[in-house]
């Protein structure tokens, strides 16, 4: 220690202004991302990042990749599957962020073209973006409340409705939905409001209105589950959503509610 202190005093005497500034350019951190679509419709993602970016990505995905706890059964997904679903959820959160940069005068979105008949029946195919495809049933899910805009086509492929004004939930209505449901309303789910979408109980393609009495807040997983399974949802007499399980879960189909979310003080 004495030698180190003596050396520091000598350096201070010889160079009182300190060392010469380092004017070399800082090393650009390794950040690369490759995304490509295969002919099968599967997308492949590959990349490399600096430690800071990788740590932030890991923290984000870990937060979204927790095992699900709900009344629809245990979560059997593998760790890579949970990370894949978490990445999809992160994209949904980003697309619905008000801070996302505008493109051509509007927020980033994906256009899906589907015939009116297929959208109503949930049977058939829809064109996603420029080259992609999804089923009409999946288009019904996304048409509820997401930045996937349905272009509804008639028999001669003429555009009948872009769906934006009729279906998208306004900021004020979304706040009311957040206050009422406090998160995903599916029984046993703990997802917070900002991770959720608004589900039309009666689909807007079938004439359902976009108002509080026809909406329920749901995470992406349970939103898809509701569209594809025997679960049903309704607004009860007290104005709160309740879910009817399929008969293979409960033959009596006794209504269930989510009691995990913290109630508002004035509602307690």
C-alpha atoms as a PDB file:
ATOM      1  CA  UNK A   1       0.000   0.000   0.000  1.00  0.00           C
ATOM      2  CA  UNK A   2       2.845   2.385   0.814  1.00  0.00           C
ATOM      3  CA  UNK A   3       4.448   1.755  -2.597  1.00  0.00           C
ATOM      4  CA  UNK A   4       1.088   2.370  -4.352  1.00  0.00           C
ATOM      5  CA  UNK A   5       0.556   5.604  -2.422  1.00  0.00           C
ATOM      6  CA  UNK A   6       4.090   6.775  -3.258  1.00  0.00           C
ATOM      7  CA  UNK A   7       3.502   5.999  -6.944  1.00  0.00           C
ATOM      8  CA  UNK A   8       0.249   7.988  -6.922  1.00  0.00           C
ATOM      9  CA  UNK A   9       2.038  11.018  -5.420  1.00  0.00           C
ATOM     10  CA  UNK A  10       4.777  10.820  -8.055  1.00  0.00           C
ATOM     11  CA  UNK A  11       2.201  10.657 -10.881  1.00  0.00           C
ATOM     12  CA  UNK A  12       0.305  13.590  -9.406  1.00  0.00           C
ATOM     13  CA  UNK A  13       3.536  15.638  -9.351  1.00  0.00           C
ATOM     14  CA  UNK A  14       4.595  14.705 -12.888  1.00  0.00           C
ATOM     15  CA  UNK A  15       1.116  14.956 -14.498  1.00  0.00           C
ATOM     16  CA  UNK A  16      -1.119  17.203 -12.388  1.00  0.00           C
ATOM     17  CA  UNK A  17      -3.734  17.392 -15.173  1.00  0.00           C
ATOM     18  CA  UNK A  18      -4.152  13.629 -15.310  1.00  0.00           C
ATOM     19  CA  UNK A  19      -3.754  11.252 -18.225  1.00  0.00           C
ATOM     20  CA  UNK A  20      -4.287  12.303 -21.819  1.00  0.00           C
ATOM     21  CA  UNK A  21      -7.949  11.928 -22.914  1.00  0.00           C
ATOM     22  CA  UNK A  22      -8.757   8.808 -24.924  1.00  0.00           C
ATOM     23  CA  UNK A  23     -10.188  10.007 -28.248  1.00  0.00           C
ATOM     24  CA  UNK A  24     -10.622   6.568 -29.782  1.00  0.00           C
ATOM     25  CA  UNK A  25     -14.120   5.701 -30.966  1.00  0.00           C
ATOM     26  CA  UNK A  26     -16.085   3.524 -28.516  1.00  0.00           C
ATOM     27  CA  UNK A  27     -16.638  -0.053 -29.578  1.00  0.00           C
ATOM     28  CA  UNK A  28     -20.113  -0.538 -31.073  1.00  0.00           C
ATOM     29  CA  UNK A  29     -21.919  -3.203 -29.021  1.00  0.00           C
ATOM     30  CA  UNK A  30     -22.761  -6.394 -30.931  1.00  0.00           C
ATOM     31  CA  UNK A  31     -26.467  -6.087 -31.689  1.00  0.00           C
ATOM     32  CA  UNK A  32     -27.822  -8.037 -34.651  1.00  0.00           C
ATOM     33  CA  UNK A  33     -31.183  -9.623 -35.325  1.00  0.00           C
ATOM     34  CA  UNK A  34     -32.214 -11.813 -38.250  1.00  0.00           C
ATOM     35  CA  UNK A  35     -35.863 -12.576 -38.949  1.00  0.00           C
ATOM     36  CA  UNK A  36     -37.067 -14.593 -41.912  1.00  0.00           C
ATOM     37  CA  UNK A  37     -40.216 -16.397 -42.975  1.00  0.00           C
ATOM     38  CA  UNK A  38     -39.974 -19.949 -44.332  1.00  0.00           C
ATOM     39  CA  UNK A  39     -42.274 -21.363 -46.988  1.00  0.00           C
ATOM     40  CA  UNK A  40     -44.123 -23.335 -44.326  1.00  0.00           C
ATOM     41  CA  UNK A  41     -45.248 -20.090 -42.675  1.00  0.00           C
ATOM     42  CA  UNK A  42     -42.891 -20.569 -39.712  1.00  0.00           C
ATOM     43  CA  UNK A  43     -40.688 -17.605 -38.821  1.00  0.00           C
ATOM     44  CA  UNK A  44     -37.108 -18.060 -37.620  1.00  0.00           C
ATOM     45  CA  UNK A  45     -35.417 -15.570 -35.298  1.00  0.00           C
ATOM     46  CA  UNK A  46     -31.679 -15.435 -34.639  1.00  0.00           C
ATOM     47  CA  UNK A  47     -29.379 -12.782 -33.270  1.00  0.00           C
ATOM     48  CA  UNK A  48     -26.722 -11.688 -30.806  1.00  0.00           C
ATOM     49  CA  UNK A  49     -26.678  -8.824 -28.316  1.00  0.00           C
ATOM     50  CA  UNK A  50     -24.435  -7.072 -25.836  1.00  0.00           C
ATOM     51  CA  UNK A  51     -24.738  -7.990 -22.173  1.00  0.00           C
ATOM     52  CA  UNK A  52     -26.978  -5.027 -21.291  1.00  0.00           C
ATOM     53  CA  UNK A  53     -29.516  -5.732 -24.050  1.00  0.00           C
ATOM     54  CA  UNK A  54     -29.493  -9.455 -23.336  1.00  0.00           C
ATOM     55  CA  UNK A  55     -30.095  -8.860 -19.643  1.00  0.00           C
ATOM     56  CA  UNK A  56     -33.059  -6.577 -20.395  1.00  0.00           C
ATOM     57  CA  UNK A  57     -34.486  -9.120 -22.844  1.00  0.00           C
ATOM     58  CA  UNK A  58     -34.114 -11.899 -20.282  1.00  0.00           C
ATOM     59  CA  UNK A  59     -35.837  -9.825 -17.585  1.00  0.00           C
ATOM     60  CA  UNK A  60     -38.740  -9.018 -19.930  1.00  0.00           C
ATOM     61  CA  UNK A  61     -39.242 -12.591 -21.126  1.00  0.00           C
ATOM     62  CA  UNK A  62     -38.872 -14.053 -17.631  1.00  0.00           C
ATOM     63  CA  UNK A  63     -41.628 -11.737 -16.393  1.00  0.00           C
ATOM     64  CA  UNK A  64     -43.977 -12.870 -19.177  1.00  0.00           C
ATOM     65  CA  UNK A  65     -42.980 -16.557 -19.174  1.00  0.00           C
ATOM     66  CA  UNK A  66     -44.256 -17.496 -15.733  1.00  0.00           C
ATOM     67  CA  UNK A  67     -46.290 -20.682 -15.560  1.00  0.00           C
ATOM     68  CA  UNK A  68     -50.008 -20.019 -15.887  1.00  0.00           C
ATOM     69  CA  UNK A  69     -52.324 -20.594 -12.961  1.00  0.00           C
ATOM     70  CA  UNK A  70     -56.002 -20.772 -13.853  1.00  0.00           C
ATOM     71  CA  UNK A  71     -59.057 -23.005 -13.807  1.00  0.00           C
ATOM     72  CA  UNK A  72     -58.438 -24.405 -17.310  1.00  0.00           C
ATOM     73  CA  UNK A  73     -55.813 -26.873 -16.040  1.00  0.00           C
ATOM     74  CA  UNK A  74     -52.060 -27.074 -15.296  1.00  0.00           C
ATOM     75  CA  UNK A  75     -49.457 -25.436 -17.518  1.00  0.00           C
ATOM     76  CA  UNK A  76     -47.506 -28.179 -19.332  1.00  0.00           C
ATOM     77  CA  UNK A  77     -45.452 -25.899 -21.616  1.00  0.00           C
ATOM     78  CA  UNK A  78     -41.697 -26.426 -21.797  1.00  0.00           C
ATOM     79  CA  UNK A  79     -39.309 -23.572 -21.012  1.00  0.00           C
ATOM     80  CA  UNK A  80     -38.681 -22.790 -24.740  1.00  0.00           C
ATOM     81  CA  UNK A  81     -42.444 -22.837 -25.366  1.00  0.00           C
ATOM     82  CA  UNK A  82     -43.044 -20.431 -22.488  1.00  0.00           C
ATOM     83  CA  UNK A  83     -40.311 -18.149 -23.858  1.00  0.00           C
ATOM     84  CA  UNK A  84     -41.916 -18.286 -27.303  1.00  0.00           C
ATOM     85  CA  UNK A  85     -45.312 -17.321 -25.892  1.00  0.00           C
ATOM     86  CA  UNK A  86     -43.648 -14.591 -23.818  1.00  0.00           C
ATOM     87  CA  UNK A  87     -42.057 -13.138 -26.963  1.00  0.00           C
ATOM     88  CA  UNK A  88     -45.481 -13.079 -28.642  1.00  0.00           C
ATOM     89  CA  UNK A  89     -46.972 -11.329 -25.600  1.00  0.00           C
ATOM     90  CA  UNK A  90     -44.135  -8.781 -25.645  1.00  0.00           C
ATOM     91  CA  UNK A  91     -44.938  -7.976 -29.283  1.00  0.00           C
ATOM     92  CA  UNK A  92     -48.604  -7.444 -28.384  1.00  0.00           C
ATOM     93  CA  UNK A  93     -47.608  -5.077 -25.575  1.00  0.00           C
ATOM     94  CA  UNK A  94     -45.314  -3.136 -27.907  1.00  0.00           C
ATOM     95  CA  UNK A  95     -47.902  -2.864 -30.706  1.00  0.00           C
ATOM     96  CA  UNK A  96     -50.475  -1.524 -28.250  1.00  0.00           C
ATOM     97  CA  UNK A  97     -48.075   1.009 -26.723  1.00  0.00           C
ATOM     98  CA  UNK A  98     -49.026   4.665 -27.326  1.00  0.00           C
ATOM     99  CA  UNK A  99     -45.284   5.461 -27.566  1.00  0.00           C
ATOM    100  CA  UNK A 100     -44.808   3.355 -30.710  1.00  0.00           C
ATOM    101  CA  UNK A 101     -43.622   5.527 -33.649  1.00  0.00           C
ATOM    102  CA  UNK A 102     -46.213   6.383 -36.304  1.00  0.00           C
ATOM    103  CA  UNK A 103     -46.027   4.925 -39.806  1.00  0.00           C
ATOM    104  CA  UNK A 104     -47.872   6.626 -42.670  1.00  0.00           C
ATOM    105  CA  UNK A 105     -49.877   8.645 -40.166  1.00  0.00           C
ATOM    106  CA  UNK A 106     -50.990   5.787 -37.905  1.00  0.00           C
ATOM    107  CA  UNK A 107     -49.651   3.333 -35.355  1.00  0.00           C
ATOM    108  CA  UNK A 108     -47.968   0.153 -36.559  1.00  0.00           C
ATOM    109  CA  UNK A 109     -50.421  -2.614 -37.311  1.00  0.00           C
ATOM    110  CA  UNK A 110     -50.916  -5.746 -39.396  1.00  0.00           C
ATOM    111  CA  UNK A 111     -53.713  -6.019 -41.949  1.00  0.00           C
ATOM    112  CA  UNK A 112     -55.611  -9.289 -42.353  1.00  0.00           C
ATOM    113  CA  UNK A 113     -58.027  -9.810 -45.251  1.00  0.00           C
ATOM    114  CA  UNK A 114     -60.948 -12.179 -44.669  1.00  0.00           C
ATOM    115  CA  UNK A 115     -64.345 -12.694 -46.275  1.00  0.00           C
ATOM    116  CA  UNK A 116     -67.388 -11.627 -44.288  1.00  0.00           C
ATOM    117  CA  UNK A 117     -68.821 -15.163 -44.449  1.00  0.00           C
ATOM    118  CA  UNK A 118     -65.595 -16.746 -43.128  1.00  0.00           C
ATOM    119  CA  UNK A 119     -65.257 -14.146 -40.372  1.00  0.00           C
ATOM    120  CA  UNK A 120     -68.780 -14.829 -39.144  1.00  0.00           C
ATOM    121  CA  UNK A 121     -68.478 -18.618 -39.337  1.00  0.00           C
ATOM    122  CA  UNK A 122     -64.887 -18.875 -38.145  1.00  0.00           C
ATOM    123  CA  UNK A 123     -64.231 -21.377 -40.960  1.00  0.00           C
ATOM    124  CA  UNK A 124     -61.814 -20.722 -43.807  1.00  0.00           C
ATOM    125  CA  UNK A 125     -58.577 -18.828 -44.344  1.00  0.00           C
ATOM    126  CA  UNK A 126     -57.473 -15.224 -44.007  1.00  0.00           C
ATOM    127  CA  UNK A 127     -54.510 -13.449 -45.600  1.00  0.00           C
ATOM    128  CA  UNK A 128     -52.122 -11.970 -43.031  1.00  0.00           C
ATOM    129  CA  UNK A 129     -49.983  -9.041 -44.140  1.00  0.00           C
ATOM    130  CA  UNK A 130     -48.366  -9.491 -47.558  1.00  0.00           C
ATOM    131  CA  UNK A 131     -47.711 -13.239 -47.644  1.00  0.00           C
ATOM    132  CA  UNK A 132     -48.867 -14.825 -44.405  1.00  0.00           C
ATOM    133  CA  UNK A 133     -51.991 -16.809 -43.604  1.00  0.00           C
ATOM    134  CA  UNK A 134     -54.130 -17.519 -40.569  1.00  0.00           C
ATOM    135  CA  UNK A 135     -57.413 -19.301 -40.046  1.00  0.00           C
ATOM    136  CA  UNK A 136     -60.652 -17.340 -39.985  1.00  0.00           C
ATOM    137  CA  UNK A 137     -61.094 -18.482 -36.375  1.00  0.00           C
ATOM    138  CA  UNK A 138     -57.766 -16.844 -35.456  1.00  0.00           C
ATOM    139  CA  UNK A 139     -58.845 -13.700 -37.308  1.00  0.00           C
ATOM    140  CA  UNK A 140     -61.946 -13.552 -35.080  1.00  0.00           C
ATOM    141  CA  UNK A 141     -59.717 -13.643 -31.991  1.00  0.00           C
ATOM    142  CA  UNK A 142     -57.473 -10.809 -33.174  1.00  0.00           C
ATOM    143  CA  UNK A 143     -60.374  -8.749 -34.491  1.00  0.00           C
ATOM    144  CA  UNK A 144     -61.697  -8.314 -30.943  1.00  0.00           C
ATOM    145  CA  UNK A 145     -59.026  -5.897 -29.767  1.00  0.00           C
ATOM    146  CA  UNK A 146     -55.540  -5.883 -31.251  1.00  0.00           C
ATOM    147  CA  UNK A 147     -53.405  -4.027 -33.748  1.00  0.00           C
ATOM    148  CA  UNK A 148     -54.395  -6.535 -36.418  1.00  0.00           C
ATOM    149  CA  UNK A 149     -56.912  -4.699 -38.580  1.00  0.00           C
ATOM    150  CA  UNK A 150     -59.453  -6.912 -40.390  1.00  0.00           C
ATOM    151  CA  UNK A 151     -60.244  -5.935 -43.971  1.00  0.00           C
ATOM    152  CA  UNK A 152     -63.634  -7.601 -44.441  1.00  0.00           C
ATOM    153  CA  UNK A 153     -64.288  -8.548 -48.058  1.00  0.00           C
ATOM    154  CA  UNK A 154     -67.518  -9.271 -49.932  1.00  0.00           C
ATOM    155  CA  UNK A 155     -68.252 -12.034 -52.426  1.00  0.00           C
ATOM    156  CA  UNK A 156     -66.294 -10.211 -55.149  1.00  0.00           C
ATOM    157  CA  UNK A 157     -63.368  -9.391 -52.836  1.00  0.00           C
ATOM    158  CA  UNK A 158     -64.504  -5.790 -52.516  1.00  0.00           C
ATOM    159  CA  UNK A 159     -63.672  -4.211 -49.129  1.00  0.00           C
ATOM    160  CA  UNK A 160     -66.807  -3.901 -47.005  1.00  0.00           C
ATOM    161  CA  UNK A 161     -65.356  -2.686 -43.714  1.00  0.00           C
ATOM    162  CA  UNK A 162     -61.907  -2.088 -42.272  1.00  0.00           C
ATOM    163  CA  UNK A 163     -63.303  -2.707 -38.824  1.00  0.00           C
ATOM    164  CA  UNK A 164     -61.401   0.049 -37.026  1.00  0.00           C
ATOM    165  CA  UNK A 165     -64.195   2.396 -35.952  1.00  0.00           C
ATOM    166  CA  UNK A 166     -66.647  -0.308 -34.959  1.00  0.00           C
ATOM    167  CA  UNK A 167     -64.435  -2.592 -32.923  1.00  0.00           C
ATOM    168  CA  UNK A 168     -61.437  -0.828 -31.388  1.00  0.00           C
ATOM    169  CA  UNK A 169     -61.872   0.105 -27.743  1.00  0.00           C
ATOM    170  CA  UNK A 170     -61.433   3.796 -26.933  1.00  0.00           C
ATOM    171  CA  UNK A 171     -59.003   4.954 -24.247  1.00  0.00           C
ATOM    172  CA  UNK A 172     -61.852   5.928 -21.912  1.00  0.00           C
ATOM    173  CA  UNK A 173     -63.663   2.625 -22.361  1.00  0.00           C
ATOM    174  CA  UNK A 174     -60.411   0.732 -21.817  1.00  0.00           C
ATOM    175  CA  UNK A 175     -59.873   2.567 -18.521  1.00  0.00           C
ATOM    176  CA  UNK A 176     -63.385   1.601 -17.421  1.00  0.00           C
ATOM    177  CA  UNK A 177     -62.639  -2.017 -18.384  1.00  0.00           C
ATOM    178  CA  UNK A 178     -59.390  -1.918 -16.376  1.00  0.00           C
ATOM    179  CA  UNK A 179     -61.218  -0.550 -13.331  1.00  0.00           C
ATOM    180  CA  UNK A 180     -63.968  -3.168 -13.503  1.00  0.00           C
ATOM    181  CA  UNK A 181     -61.992  -6.341 -14.243  1.00  0.00           C
ATOM    182  CA  UNK A 182     -58.603  -5.422 -12.671  1.00  0.00           C
ATOM    183  CA  UNK A 183     -56.794  -7.867 -14.959  1.00  0.00           C
ATOM    184  CA  UNK A 184     -57.623 -11.023 -16.911  1.00  0.00           C
ATOM    185  CA  UNK A 185     -61.137 -11.954 -15.804  1.00  0.00           C
ATOM    186  CA  UNK A 186     -60.682 -15.682 -16.491  1.00  0.00           C
ATOM    187  CA  UNK A 187     -60.972 -17.670 -13.230  1.00  0.00           C
ATOM    188  CA  UNK A 188     -57.591 -18.194 -11.587  1.00  0.00           C
ATOM    189  CA  UNK A 189     -55.555 -15.991 -13.954  1.00  0.00           C
ATOM    190  CA  UNK A 190     -53.222 -13.394 -12.408  1.00  0.00           C
ATOM    191  CA  UNK A 191     -52.320 -11.365 -15.522  1.00  0.00           C
ATOM    192  CA  UNK A 192     -52.523  -7.575 -14.913  1.00  0.00           C
ATOM    193  CA  UNK A 193     -54.613  -5.202 -17.081  1.00  0.00           C
ATOM    194  CA  UNK A 194     -51.741  -4.004 -19.277  1.00  0.00           C
ATOM    195  CA  UNK A 195     -51.139  -7.626 -20.405  1.00  0.00           C
ATOM    196  CA  UNK A 196     -54.766  -8.053 -21.490  1.00  0.00           C
ATOM    197  CA  UNK A 197     -57.064  -7.480 -24.461  1.00  0.00           C
ATOM    198  CA  UNK A 198     -60.713  -6.588 -24.644  1.00  0.00           C
ATOM    199  CA  UNK A 199     -62.894  -9.515 -25.751  1.00  0.00           C
ATOM    200  CA  UNK A 200     -66.266  -8.879 -27.380  1.00  0.00           C
ATOM    201  CA  UNK A 201     -68.746 -11.264 -25.720  1.00  0.00           C
ATOM    202  CA  UNK A 202     -70.921 -11.003 -28.800  1.00  0.00           C
ATOM    203  CA  UNK A 203     -68.440 -10.612 -31.640  1.00  0.00           C
ATOM    204  CA  UNK A 204     -68.554  -7.306 -33.482  1.00  0.00           C
ATOM    205  CA  UNK A 205     -68.755  -9.230 -36.777  1.00  0.00           C
ATOM    206  CA  UNK A 206     -72.072 -10.627 -35.502  1.00  0.00           C
ATOM    207  CA  UNK A 207     -73.371  -7.178 -34.596  1.00  0.00           C
ATOM    208  CA  UNK A 208     -72.010  -7.008 -31.043  1.00  0.00           C
ATOM    209  CA  UNK A 209     -71.473  -3.452 -29.735  1.00  0.00           C
ATOM    210  CA  UNK A 210     -68.190  -2.104 -28.415  1.00  0.00           C
ATOM    211  CA  UNK A 211     -69.413  -1.060 -24.971  1.00  0.00           C
ATOM    212  CA  UNK A 212     -68.686  -2.081 -21.393  1.00  0.00           C
ATOM    213  CA  UNK A 213     -71.635  -4.472 -21.190  1.00  0.00           C
ATOM    214  CA  UNK A 214     -70.287  -6.493 -24.128  1.00  0.00           C
ATOM    215  CA  UNK A 215     -66.597  -6.519 -23.179  1.00  0.00           C
ATOM    216  CA  UNK A 216     -64.396  -8.503 -20.819  1.00  0.00           C
ATOM    217  CA  UNK A 217     -60.664  -8.154 -20.151  1.00  0.00           C
ATOM    218  CA  UNK A 218     -58.605 -11.262 -21.000  1.00  0.00           C
ATOM    219  CA  UNK A 219     -54.954 -12.213 -21.442  1.00  0.00           C
ATOM    220  CA  UNK A 220     -53.919 -13.495 -24.880  1.00  0.00           C
ATOM    221  CA  UNK A 221     -53.897 -17.156 -23.791  1.00  0.00           C
ATOM    222  CA  UNK A 222     -57.372 -17.172 -22.252  1.00  0.00           C
ATOM    223  CA  UNK A 223     -58.712 -15.000 -25.065  1.00  0.00           C
ATOM    224  CA  UNK A 224     -57.698 -17.695 -27.555  1.00  0.00           C
ATOM    225  CA  UNK A 225     -58.999 -20.410 -25.228  1.00  0.00           C
ATOM    226  CA  UNK A 226     -62.414 -18.776 -25.052  1.00  0.00           C
ATOM    227  CA  UNK A 227     -62.703 -18.650 -28.842  1.00  0.00           C
ATOM    228  CA  UNK A 228     -61.628 -22.295 -29.269  1.00  0.00           C
ATOM    229  CA  UNK A 229     -63.119 -24.204 -26.349  1.00  0.00           C
ATOM    230  CA  UNK A 230     -66.404 -24.829 -24.596  1.00  0.00           C
ATOM    231  CA  UNK A 231     -65.898 -21.990 -22.106  1.00  0.00           C
ATOM    232  CA  UNK A 232     -68.432 -19.165 -22.273  1.00  0.00           C
ATOM    233  CA  UNK A 233     -68.521 -15.736 -20.651  1.00  0.00           C
ATOM    234  CA  UNK A 234     -71.396 -13.440 -19.749  1.00  0.00           C
ATOM    235  CA  UNK A 235     -72.000 -10.308 -17.714  1.00  0.00           C
ATOM    236  CA  UNK A 236     -73.924 -11.185 -14.541  1.00  0.00           C
ATOM    237  CA  UNK A 237     -76.711  -9.171 -12.945  1.00  0.00           C
ATOM    238  CA  UNK A 238     -74.202  -7.270 -10.782  1.00  0.00           C
ATOM    239  CA  UNK A 239     -72.339  -6.076 -13.899  1.00  0.00           C
ATOM    240  CA  UNK A 240     -69.295  -8.336 -13.458  1.00  0.00           C
ATOM    241  CA  UNK A 241     -68.097 -11.072 -15.851  1.00  0.00           C
ATOM    242  CA  UNK A 242     -68.560 -14.740 -15.018  1.00  0.00           C
ATOM    243  CA  UNK A 243     -67.455 -17.822 -16.933  1.00  0.00           C
ATOM    244  CA  UNK A 244     -69.328 -21.044 -17.654  1.00  0.00           C
ATOM    245  CA  UNK A 245     -66.993 -24.064 -17.909  1.00  0.00           C
ATOM    246  CA  UNK A 246     -67.494 -26.752 -20.559  1.00  0.00           C
ATOM    247  CA  UNK A 247     -69.427 -29.852 -19.520  1.00  0.00           C
ATOM    248  CA  UNK A 248     -66.285 -32.039 -19.402  1.00  0.00           C
ATOM    249  CA  UNK A 249     -65.018 -29.812 -16.558  1.00  0.00           C
ATOM    250  CA  UNK A 250     -68.331 -29.278 -14.761  1.00  0.00           C
ATOM    251  CA  UNK A 251     -71.526 -31.034 -15.863  1.00  0.00           C
ATOM    252  CA  UNK A 252     -73.609 -28.404 -14.065  1.00  0.00           C
ATOM    253  CA  UNK A 253     -71.627 -25.564 -15.684  1.00  0.00           C
ATOM    254  CA  UNK A 254     -71.655 -23.564 -12.466  1.00  0.00           C
ATOM    255  CA  UNK A 255     -70.511 -19.962 -13.141  1.00  0.00           C
ATOM    256  CA  UNK A 256     -66.981 -19.091 -12.014  1.00  0.00           C
ATOM    257  CA  UNK A 257     -65.238 -15.784 -11.383  1.00  0.00           C
ATOM    258  CA  UNK A 258     -61.698 -14.555 -10.926  1.00  0.00           C
ATOM    259  CA  UNK A 259     -61.193 -13.579  -7.275  1.00  0.00           C
ATOM    260  CA  UNK A 260     -57.414 -13.132  -7.455  1.00  0.00           C
ATOM    261  CA  UNK A 261     -57.285  -9.470  -8.450  1.00  0.00           C
ATOM    262  CA  UNK A 262     -57.205  -6.872  -5.698  1.00  0.00           C
ATOM    263  CA  UNK A 263     -60.580  -5.082  -5.568  1.00  0.00           C
ATOM    264  CA  UNK A 264     -60.796  -1.311  -5.600  1.00  0.00           C
ATOM    265  CA  UNK A 265     -61.137   0.259  -2.127  1.00  0.00           C
ATOM    266  CA  UNK A 266     -64.609   1.603  -2.835  1.00  0.00           C
ATOM    267  CA  UNK A 267     -65.712  -1.817  -4.157  1.00  0.00           C
ATOM    268  CA  UNK A 268     -64.619  -3.758  -1.068  1.00  0.00           C
END
